[in-house]
Structure formats: structure tokens, C-alpha cells
Amino acid sequence: MAGIRISEIGRAIVYRSVPWAHSPISLKRESFPKGAVPPHLRPYLFKKGGIPAQCAAETANLKGAARVTAMNACVSAKKGH
């Protein structure tokens, strides 16, 4: 588990954890400025007709963690991972 230095506490983010987490809240450092998309995630952005959009349509009948899991599996399968 990673910690946050006292000197970085101003950049800390507290948010509700995902439903399957053991703790009700999570604390982490800001990875990227708000609105920024890191280069390694750009291929996964929703674009008209792109893989994420196709998988969103295929998993539209699911909700919550089931949809997240299905979206991950779908995108991985279509990307060949």
C-alpha cells in the first residue's frame, strides 16, 4: 500500500471506494491534473465508432460492477490483450 507524504497532503484526494472495496473511502494522490488524459489511456477514449463505444453498446443492459467488469473484458478482447 502506498502512502502520501505530509508535504503532498494538499494534493490528496478522498473519495468513496468502489462497492467491492474493504474500506468505505479511499485516499490517493492526484495522478494527473483534472481533465487531463494520460498518454497510455488515450486509445481507450470514447470515440464515435471506436472500441469503447462498441463495448458500451454491448454492455448497455448491465449496471454497476457487472458492467465495469464486462466493459473491461470486452475492450481487452477487442484490443487483443
PDB file of N, CA and C in Angstrom:
ATOM      1  N   MET A   1       0.842  -1.174   0.000  1.00  0.00           N
ATOM      2  CA  MET A   1       0.000   0.000   0.000  1.00  0.00           C
ATOM      3  C   MET A   1       0.886   1.236   0.000  1.00  0.00           C
ATOM      4  N   ALA A   2       0.592   2.174  -0.836  1.00  0.00           N
ATOM      5  CA  ALA A   2       1.378   3.406  -0.928  1.00  0.00           C
ATOM      6  C   ALA A   2       0.858   4.425   0.074  1.00  0.00           C
ATOM      7  N   GLY A   3       1.743   5.229   0.552  1.00  0.00           N
ATOM      8  CA  GLY A   3       1.354   6.288   1.474  1.00  0.00           C
ATOM      9  C   GLY A   3       1.447   7.653   0.807  1.00  0.00           C
ATOM     10  N   ILE A   4       0.932   8.644   1.473  1.00  0.00           N
ATOM     11  CA  ILE A   4       1.001  10.019   0.985  1.00  0.00           C
ATOM     12  C   ILE A   4       1.865  10.798   1.965  1.00  0.00           C
ATOM     13  N   ARG A   5       2.860  11.472   1.437  1.00  0.00           N
ATOM     14  CA  ARG A   5       3.743  12.273   2.284  1.00  0.00           C
ATOM     15  C   ARG A   5       2.979  13.481   2.828  1.00  0.00           C
ATOM     16  N   ILE A   6       3.362  13.913   4.011  1.00  0.00           N
ATOM     17  CA  ILE A   6       2.741  15.084   4.629  1.00  0.00           C
ATOM     18  C   ILE A   6       2.878  16.294   3.711  1.00  0.00           C
ATOM     19  N   SER A   7       4.008  16.416   3.022  1.00  0.00           N
ATOM     20  CA  SER A   7       4.227  17.565   2.136  1.00  0.00           C
ATOM     21  C   SER A   7       3.293  17.546   0.921  1.00  0.00           C
ATOM     22  N   GLU A   8       2.702  16.394   0.615  1.00  0.00           N
ATOM     23  CA  GLU A   8       1.807  16.272  -0.536  1.00  0.00           C
ATOM     24  C   GLU A   8       0.331  16.241  -0.138  1.00  0.00           C
ATOM     25  N   ILE A   9       0.026  16.467   1.112  1.00  0.00           N
ATOM     26  CA  ILE A   9      -1.345  16.327   1.592  1.00  0.00           C
ATOM     27  C   ILE A   9      -2.306  17.295   0.886  1.00  0.00           C
ATOM     28  N   GLY A  10      -1.791  18.412   0.413  1.00  0.00           N
ATOM     29  CA  GLY A  10      -2.638  19.363  -0.318  1.00  0.00           C
ATOM     30  C   GLY A  10      -3.111  18.819  -1.660  1.00  0.00           C
ATOM     31  N   ARG A  11      -2.447  17.799  -2.172  1.00  0.00           N
ATOM     32  CA  ARG A  11      -2.831  17.186  -3.449  1.00  0.00           C
ATOM     33  C   ARG A  11      -3.589  15.880  -3.239  1.00  0.00           C
ATOM     34  N   ALA A  12      -3.906  15.546  -1.987  1.00  0.00           N
ATOM     35  CA  ALA A  12      -4.597  14.293  -1.689  1.00  0.00           C
ATOM     36  C   ALA A  12      -6.055  14.375  -2.114  1.00  0.00           C
ATOM     37  N   ILE A  13      -6.593  13.229  -2.499  1.00  0.00           N
ATOM     38  CA  ILE A  13      -7.977  13.126  -2.928  1.00  0.00           C
ATOM     39  C   ILE A  13      -8.645  12.057  -2.062  1.00  0.00           C
ATOM     40  N   VAL A  14      -9.778  12.396  -1.474  1.00  0.00           N
ATOM     41  CA  VAL A  14     -10.561  11.438  -0.698  1.00  0.00           C
ATOM     42  C   VAL A  14     -11.854  11.214  -1.462  1.00  0.00           C
ATOM     43  N   TYR A  15     -12.208   9.956  -1.684  1.00  0.00           N
ATOM     44  CA  TYR A  15     -13.430   9.662  -2.431  1.00  0.00           C
ATOM     45  C   TYR A  15     -14.009   8.347  -1.952  1.00  0.00           C
ATOM     46  N   ARG A  16     -15.267   8.095  -2.273  1.00  0.00           N
ATOM     47  CA  ARG A  16     -15.901   6.831  -1.921  1.00  0.00           C
ATOM     48  C   ARG A  16     -15.267   5.705  -2.705  1.00  0.00           C
ATOM     49  N   SER A  17     -15.020   4.619  -2.023  1.00  0.00           N
ATOM     50  CA  SER A  17     -14.438   3.452  -2.680  1.00  0.00           C
ATOM     51  C   SER A  17     -15.488   2.742  -3.526  1.00  0.00           C
ATOM     52  N   VAL A  18     -15.016   1.887  -4.408  1.00  0.00           N
ATOM     53  CA  VAL A  18     -15.907   1.056  -5.206  1.00  0.00           C
ATOM     54  C   VAL A  18     -16.636   0.100  -4.267  1.00  0.00           C
ATOM     55  N   PRO A  19     -17.820  -0.383  -4.636  1.00  0.00           N
ATOM     56  CA  PRO A  19     -18.615  -1.218  -3.726  1.00  0.00           C
ATOM     57  C   PRO A  19     -17.901  -2.467  -3.211  1.00  0.00           C
ATOM     58  N   TRP A  20     -16.969  -3.020  -3.987  1.00  0.00           N
ATOM     59  CA  TRP A  20     -16.314  -4.256  -3.567  1.00  0.00           C
ATOM     60  C   TRP A  20     -15.052  -4.028  -2.736  1.00  0.00           C
ATOM     61  N   ALA A  21     -14.729  -2.777  -2.425  1.00  0.00           N
ATOM     62  CA  ALA A  21     -13.545  -2.470  -1.616  1.00  0.00           C
ATOM     63  C   ALA A  21     -13.799  -2.791  -0.139  1.00  0.00           C
ATOM     64  N   HIS A  22     -12.727  -2.993   0.603  1.00  0.00           N
ATOM     65  CA  HIS A  22     -12.833  -3.307   2.026  1.00  0.00           C
ATOM     66  C   HIS A  22     -13.042  -2.062   2.871  1.00  0.00           C
ATOM     67  N   SER A  23     -12.683  -0.904   2.368  1.00  0.00           N
ATOM     68  CA  SER A  23     -12.805   0.349   3.102  1.00  0.00           C
ATOM     69  C   SER A  23     -13.847   1.244   2.421  1.00  0.00           C
ATOM     70  N   PRO A  24     -14.642   1.976   3.185  1.00  0.00           N
ATOM     71  CA  PRO A  24     -15.672   2.823   2.560  1.00  0.00           C
ATOM     72  C   PRO A  24     -15.114   4.052   1.836  1.00  0.00           C
ATOM     73  N   ILE A  25     -13.894   4.466   2.177  1.00  0.00           N
ATOM     74  CA  ILE A  25     -13.288   5.614   1.496  1.00  0.00           C
ATOM     75  C   ILE A  25     -11.904   5.238   1.003  1.00  0.00           C
ATOM     76  N   SER A  26     -11.428   5.983   0.030  1.00  0.00           N
ATOM     77  CA  SER A  26     -10.069   5.810  -0.491  1.00  0.00           C
ATOM     78  C   SER A  26      -9.358   7.151  -0.446  1.00  0.00           C
ATOM     79  N   LEU A  27      -8.079   7.099  -0.243  1.00  0.00           N
ATOM     80  CA  LEU A  27      -7.232   8.282  -0.201  1.00  0.00           C
ATOM     81  C   LEU A  27      -6.089   8.041  -1.168  1.00  0.00           C
ATOM     82  N   LYS A  28      -5.874   8.976  -2.080  1.00  0.00           N
ATOM     83  CA  LYS A  28      -4.777   8.819  -3.030  1.00  0.00           C
ATOM     84  C   LYS A  28      -4.243  10.178  -3.440  1.00  0.00           C
ATOM     85  N   ARG A  29      -3.125  10.154  -4.137  1.00  0.00           N
ATOM     86  CA  ARG A  29      -2.551  11.371  -4.698  1.00  0.00           C
ATOM     87  C   ARG A  29      -3.185  11.646  -6.046  1.00  0.00           C
ATOM     88  N   GLU A  30      -3.264  12.899  -6.408  1.00  0.00           N
ATOM     89  CA  GLU A  30      -3.744  13.265  -7.737  1.00  0.00           C
ATOM     90  C   GLU A  30      -2.708  12.787  -8.753  1.00  0.00           C
ATOM     91  N   SER A  31      -3.130  11.928  -9.680  1.00  0.00           N
ATOM     92  CA  SER A  31      -2.216  11.388 -10.669  1.00  0.00           C
ATOM     93  C   SER A  31      -1.950  12.380 -11.793  1.00  0.00           C
ATOM     94  N   PHE A  32      -3.012  12.986 -12.283  1.00  0.00           N
ATOM     95  CA  PHE A  32      -2.930  13.920 -13.399  1.00  0.00           C
ATOM     96  C   PHE A  32      -3.856  15.087 -13.104  1.00  0.00           C
ATOM     97  N   PRO A  33      -3.585  16.246 -13.673  1.00  0.00           N
ATOM     98  CA  PRO A  33      -4.487  17.376 -13.469  1.00  0.00           C
ATOM     99  C   PRO A  33      -5.899  17.042 -13.959  1.00  0.00           C
ATOM    100  N   LYS A  34      -6.891  17.629 -13.323  1.00  0.00           N
ATOM    101  CA  LYS A  34      -8.280  17.380 -13.693  1.00  0.00           C
ATOM    102  C   LYS A  34      -8.489  17.652 -15.180  1.00  0.00           C
ATOM    103  N   GLY A  35      -9.116  16.717 -15.855  1.00  0.00           N
ATOM    104  CA  GLY A  35      -9.405  16.854 -17.278  1.00  0.00           C
ATOM    105  C   GLY A  35      -8.310  16.350 -18.194  1.00  0.00           C
ATOM    106  N   ALA A  36      -7.117  16.078 -17.665  1.00  0.00           N
ATOM    107  CA  ALA A  36      -6.018  15.576 -18.488  1.00  0.00           C
ATOM    108  C   ALA A  36      -6.176  14.074 -18.709  1.00  0.00           C
ATOM    109  N   VAL A  37      -5.827  13.614 -19.891  1.00  0.00           N
ATOM    110  CA  VAL A  37      -5.868  12.185 -20.205  1.00  0.00           C
ATOM    111  C   VAL A  37      -4.429  11.730 -20.416  1.00  0.00           C
ATOM    112  N   PRO A  38      -3.955  10.798 -19.591  1.00  0.00           N
ATOM    113  CA  PRO A  38      -2.583  10.333 -19.751  1.00  0.00           C
ATOM    114  C   PRO A  38      -2.406   9.597 -21.081  1.00  0.00           C
ATOM    115  N   PRO A  39      -1.229   9.674 -21.662  1.00  0.00           N
ATOM    116  CA  PRO A  39      -0.999   9.081 -22.985  1.00  0.00           C
ATOM    117  C   PRO A  39      -1.365   7.599 -23.080  1.00  0.00           C
ATOM    118  N   HIS A  40      -1.113   6.821 -22.028  1.00  0.00           N
ATOM    119  CA  HIS A  40      -1.400   5.384 -22.101  1.00  0.00           C
ATOM    120  C   HIS A  40      -2.901   5.076 -22.073  1.00  0.00           C
ATOM    121  N   LEU A  41      -3.735   6.064 -21.744  1.00  0.00           N
ATOM    122  CA  LEU A  41      -5.192   5.843 -21.731  1.00  0.00           C
ATOM    123  C   LEU A  41      -5.905   6.453 -22.937  1.00  0.00           C
ATOM    124  N   ARG A  42      -5.199   7.195 -23.761  1.00  0.00           N
ATOM    125  CA  ARG A  42      -5.837   7.845 -24.916  1.00  0.00           C
ATOM    126  C   ARG A  42      -6.511   6.866 -25.877  1.00  0.00           C
ATOM    127  N   PRO A  43      -5.926   5.678 -26.117  1.00  0.00           N
ATOM    128  CA  PRO A  43      -6.610   4.748 -27.029  1.00  0.00           C
ATOM    129  C   PRO A  43      -7.966   4.262 -26.513  1.00  0.00           C
ATOM    130  N   TYR A  44      -8.231   4.447 -25.209  1.00  0.00           N
ATOM    131  CA  TYR A  44      -9.480   3.963 -24.631  1.00  0.00           C
ATOM    132  C   TYR A  44     -10.558   5.041 -24.544  1.00  0.00           C
ATOM    133  N   LEU A  45     -10.272   6.234 -25.037  1.00  0.00           N
ATOM    134  CA  LEU A  45     -11.275   7.298 -25.023  1.00  0.00           C
ATOM    135  C   LEU A  45     -12.471   6.920 -25.892  1.00  0.00           C
ATOM    136  N   PHE A  46     -13.636   7.352 -25.469  1.00  0.00           N
ATOM    137  CA  PHE A  46     -14.832   7.084 -26.259  1.00  0.00           C
ATOM    138  C   PHE A  46     -14.814   7.953 -27.510  1.00  0.00           C
ATOM    139  N   LYS A  47     -14.886   7.310 -28.643  1.00  0.00           N
ATOM    140  CA  LYS A  47     -14.942   7.996 -29.935  1.00  0.00           C
ATOM    141  C   LYS A  47     -16.080   7.377 -30.714  1.00  0.00           C
ATOM    142  N   LYS A  48     -16.639   8.137 -31.608  1.00  0.00           N
ATOM    143  CA  LYS A  48     -17.731   7.614 -32.415  1.00  0.00           C
ATOM    144  C   LYS A  48     -17.229   6.409 -33.203  1.00  0.00           C
ATOM    145  N   GLY A  49     -17.840   5.248 -32.944  1.00  0.00           N
ATOM    146  CA  GLY A  49     -17.474   4.040 -33.660  1.00  0.00           C
ATOM    147  C   GLY A  49     -16.251   3.324 -33.123  1.00  0.00           C
ATOM    148  N   GLY A  50     -15.621   3.821 -32.062  1.00  0.00           N
ATOM    149  CA  GLY A  50     -14.430   3.177 -31.519  1.00  0.00           C
ATOM    150  C   GLY A  50     -14.770   1.956 -30.677  1.00  0.00           C
ATOM    151  N   ILE A  51     -13.732   1.251 -30.243  1.00  0.00           N
ATOM    152  CA  ILE A  51     -13.910   0.048 -29.431  1.00  0.00           C
ATOM    153  C   ILE A  51     -14.683   0.333 -28.144  1.00  0.00           C
ATOM    154  N   PRO A  52     -14.324   1.369 -27.367  1.00  0.00           N
ATOM    155  CA  PRO A  52     -15.093   1.603 -26.146  1.00  0.00           C
ATOM    156  C   PRO A  52     -16.579   1.868 -26.424  1.00  0.00           C
ATOM    157  N   ALA A  53     -16.873   2.565 -27.507  1.00  0.00           N
ATOM    158  CA  ALA A  53     -18.272   2.832 -27.847  1.00  0.00           C
ATOM    159  C   ALA A  53     -18.998   1.541 -28.224  1.00  0.00           C
ATOM    160  N   GLN A  54     -18.318   0.650 -28.939  1.00  0.00           N
ATOM    161  CA  GLN A  54     -18.915  -0.646 -29.298  1.00  0.00           C
ATOM    162  C   GLN A  54     -19.196  -1.457 -28.032  1.00  0.00           C
ATOM    163  N   CYS A  55     -18.239  -1.483 -27.119  1.00  0.00           N
ATOM    164  CA  CYS A  55     -18.408  -2.244 -25.885  1.00  0.00           C
ATOM    165  C   CYS A  55     -19.487  -1.621 -24.992  1.00  0.00           C
ATOM    166  N   ALA A  56     -19.604  -0.308 -25.011  1.00  0.00           N
ATOM    167  CA  ALA A  56     -20.667   0.349 -24.243  1.00  0.00           C
ATOM    168  C   ALA A  56     -22.032  -0.084 -24.754  1.00  0.00           C
ATOM    169  N   ALA A  57     -22.176  -0.186 -26.056  1.00  0.00           N
ATOM    170  CA  ALA A  57     -23.446  -0.637 -26.632  1.00  0.00           C
ATOM    171  C   ALA A  57     -23.718  -2.094 -26.272  1.00  0.00           C
ATOM    172  N   GLU A  58     -22.680  -2.918 -26.270  1.00  0.00           N
ATOM    173  CA  GLU A  58     -22.833  -4.340 -25.962  1.00  0.00           C
ATOM    174  C   GLU A  58     -23.157  -4.595 -24.494  1.00  0.00           C
ATOM    175  N   THR A  59     -22.773  -3.675 -23.618  1.00  0.00           N
ATOM    176  CA  THR A  59     -22.999  -3.865 -22.182  1.00  0.00           C
ATOM    177  C   THR A  59     -24.067  -2.930 -21.618  1.00  0.00           C
ATOM    178  N   ALA A  60     -24.843  -2.319 -22.494  1.00  0.00           N
ATOM    179  CA  ALA A  60     -25.857  -1.345 -22.062  1.00  0.00           C
ATOM    180  C   ALA A  60     -26.903  -1.946 -21.134  1.00  0.00           C
ATOM    181  N   ASN A  61     -27.125  -3.248 -21.202  1.00  0.00           N
ATOM    182  CA  ASN A  61     -28.139  -3.882 -20.366  1.00  0.00           C
ATOM    183  C   ASN A  61     -27.638  -4.184 -18.947  1.00  0.00           C
ATOM    184  N   LEU A  62     -26.355  -3.967 -18.675  1.00  0.00           N
ATOM    185  CA  LEU A  62     -25.770  -4.248 -17.364  1.00  0.00           C
ATOM    186  C   LEU A  62     -25.636  -2.970 -16.553  1.00  0.00           C
ATOM    187  N   LYS A  63     -25.470  -3.127 -15.235  1.00  0.00           N
ATOM    188  CA  LYS A  63     -25.295  -1.965 -14.356  1.00  0.00           C
ATOM    189  C   LYS A  63     -24.219  -2.249 -13.327  1.00  0.00           C
ATOM    190  N   GLY A  64     -23.646  -1.205 -12.772  1.00  0.00           N
ATOM    191  CA  GLY A  64     -22.698  -1.302 -11.666  1.00  0.00           C
ATOM    192  C   GLY A  64     -21.441  -2.080 -11.999  1.00  0.00           C
ATOM    193  N   ALA A  65     -21.003  -2.863 -11.008  1.00  0.00           N
ATOM    194  CA  ALA A  65     -19.756  -3.614 -11.136  1.00  0.00           C
ATOM    195  C   ALA A  65     -19.812  -4.628 -12.276  1.00  0.00           C
ATOM    196  N   ALA A  66     -21.002  -5.168 -12.530  1.00  0.00           N
ATOM    197  CA  ALA A  66     -21.139  -6.133 -13.629  1.00  0.00           C
ATOM    198  C   ALA A  66     -20.821  -5.475 -14.964  1.00  0.00           C
ATOM    199  N   ARG A  67     -21.247  -4.230 -15.140  1.00  0.00           N
ATOM    200  CA  ARG A  67     -20.961  -3.525 -16.399  1.00  0.00           C
ATOM    201  C   ARG A  67     -19.485  -3.169 -16.491  1.00  0.00           C
ATOM    202  N   VAL A  68     -18.901  -2.742 -15.400  1.00  0.00           N
ATOM    203  CA  VAL A  68     -17.473  -2.402 -15.402  1.00  0.00           C
ATOM    204  C   VAL A  68     -16.649  -3.620 -15.804  1.00  0.00           C
ATOM    205  N   THR A  69     -16.954  -4.753 -15.190  1.00  0.00           N
ATOM    206  CA  THR A  69     -16.239  -5.991 -15.500  1.00  0.00           C
ATOM    207  C   THR A  69     -16.434  -6.394 -16.959  1.00  0.00           C
ATOM    208  N   ALA A  70     -17.668  -6.301 -17.444  1.00  0.00           N
ATOM    209  CA  ALA A  70     -17.960  -6.664 -18.833  1.00  0.00           C
ATOM    210  C   ALA A  70     -17.291  -5.699 -19.810  1.00  0.00           C
ATOM    211  N   MET A  71     -17.281  -4.403 -19.490  1.00  0.00           N
ATOM    212  CA  MET A  71     -16.608  -3.424 -20.352  1.00  0.00           C
ATOM    213  C   MET A  71     -15.114  -3.726 -20.430  1.00  0.00           C
ATOM    214  N   ASN A  72     -14.499  -4.011 -19.271  1.00  0.00           N
ATOM    215  CA  ASN A  72     -13.065  -4.327 -19.252  1.00  0.00           C
ATOM    216  C   ASN A  72     -12.762  -5.544 -20.116  1.00  0.00           C
ATOM    217  N   ALA A  73     -13.574  -6.583 -19.965  1.00  0.00           N
ATOM    218  CA  ALA A  73     -13.363  -7.808 -20.735  1.00  0.00           C
ATOM    219  C   ALA A  73     -13.555  -7.561 -22.227  1.00  0.00           C
ATOM    220  N   CYS A  74     -14.577  -6.803 -22.576  1.00  0.00           N
ATOM    221  CA  CYS A  74     -14.872  -6.503 -23.977  1.00  0.00           C
ATOM    222  C   CYS A  74     -13.745  -5.712 -24.641  1.00  0.00           C
ATOM    223  N   VAL A  75     -13.307  -4.641 -23.976  1.00  0.00           N
ATOM    224  CA  VAL A  75     -12.242  -3.817 -24.559  1.00  0.00           C
ATOM    225  C   VAL A  75     -10.950  -4.630 -24.669  1.00  0.00           C
ATOM    226  N   SER A  76     -10.630  -5.411 -23.653  1.00  0.00           N
ATOM    227  CA  SER A  76      -9.422  -6.240 -23.699  1.00  0.00           C
ATOM    228  C   SER A  76      -9.475  -7.234 -24.843  1.00  0.00           C
ATOM    229  N   ALA A  77     -10.637  -7.857 -25.029  1.00  0.00           N
ATOM    230  CA  ALA A  77     -10.795  -8.849 -26.106  1.00  0.00           C
ATOM    231  C   ALA A  77     -10.644  -8.185 -27.483  1.00  0.00           C
ATOM    232  N   LYS A  78     -11.251  -7.019 -27.647  1.00  0.00           N
ATOM    233  CA  LYS A  78     -11.195  -6.345 -28.956  1.00  0.00           C
ATOM    234  C   LYS A  78      -9.815  -5.753 -29.240  1.00  0.00           C
ATOM    235  N   LYS A  79      -9.084  -5.389 -28.167  1.00  0.00           N
ATOM    236  CA  LYS A  79      -7.732  -4.843 -28.347  1.00  0.00           C
ATOM    237  C   LYS A  79      -6.696  -5.951 -28.474  1.00  0.00           C
ATOM    238  N   GLY A  80      -7.092  -7.193 -28.173  1.00  0.00           N
ATOM    239  CA  GLY A  80      -6.169  -8.312 -28.278  1.00  0.00           C
ATOM    240  C   GLY A  80      -5.245  -8.479 -27.103  1.00  0.00           C
ATOM    241  N   HIS A  81      -5.666  -8.023 -25.924  1.00  0.00           N
ATOM    242  CA  HIS A  81      -4.823  -8.156 -24.720  1.00  0.00           C
ATOM    243  C   HIS A  81      -5.101  -9.433 -24.021  1.00  0.00           C
TER     244      HIS A  81
END
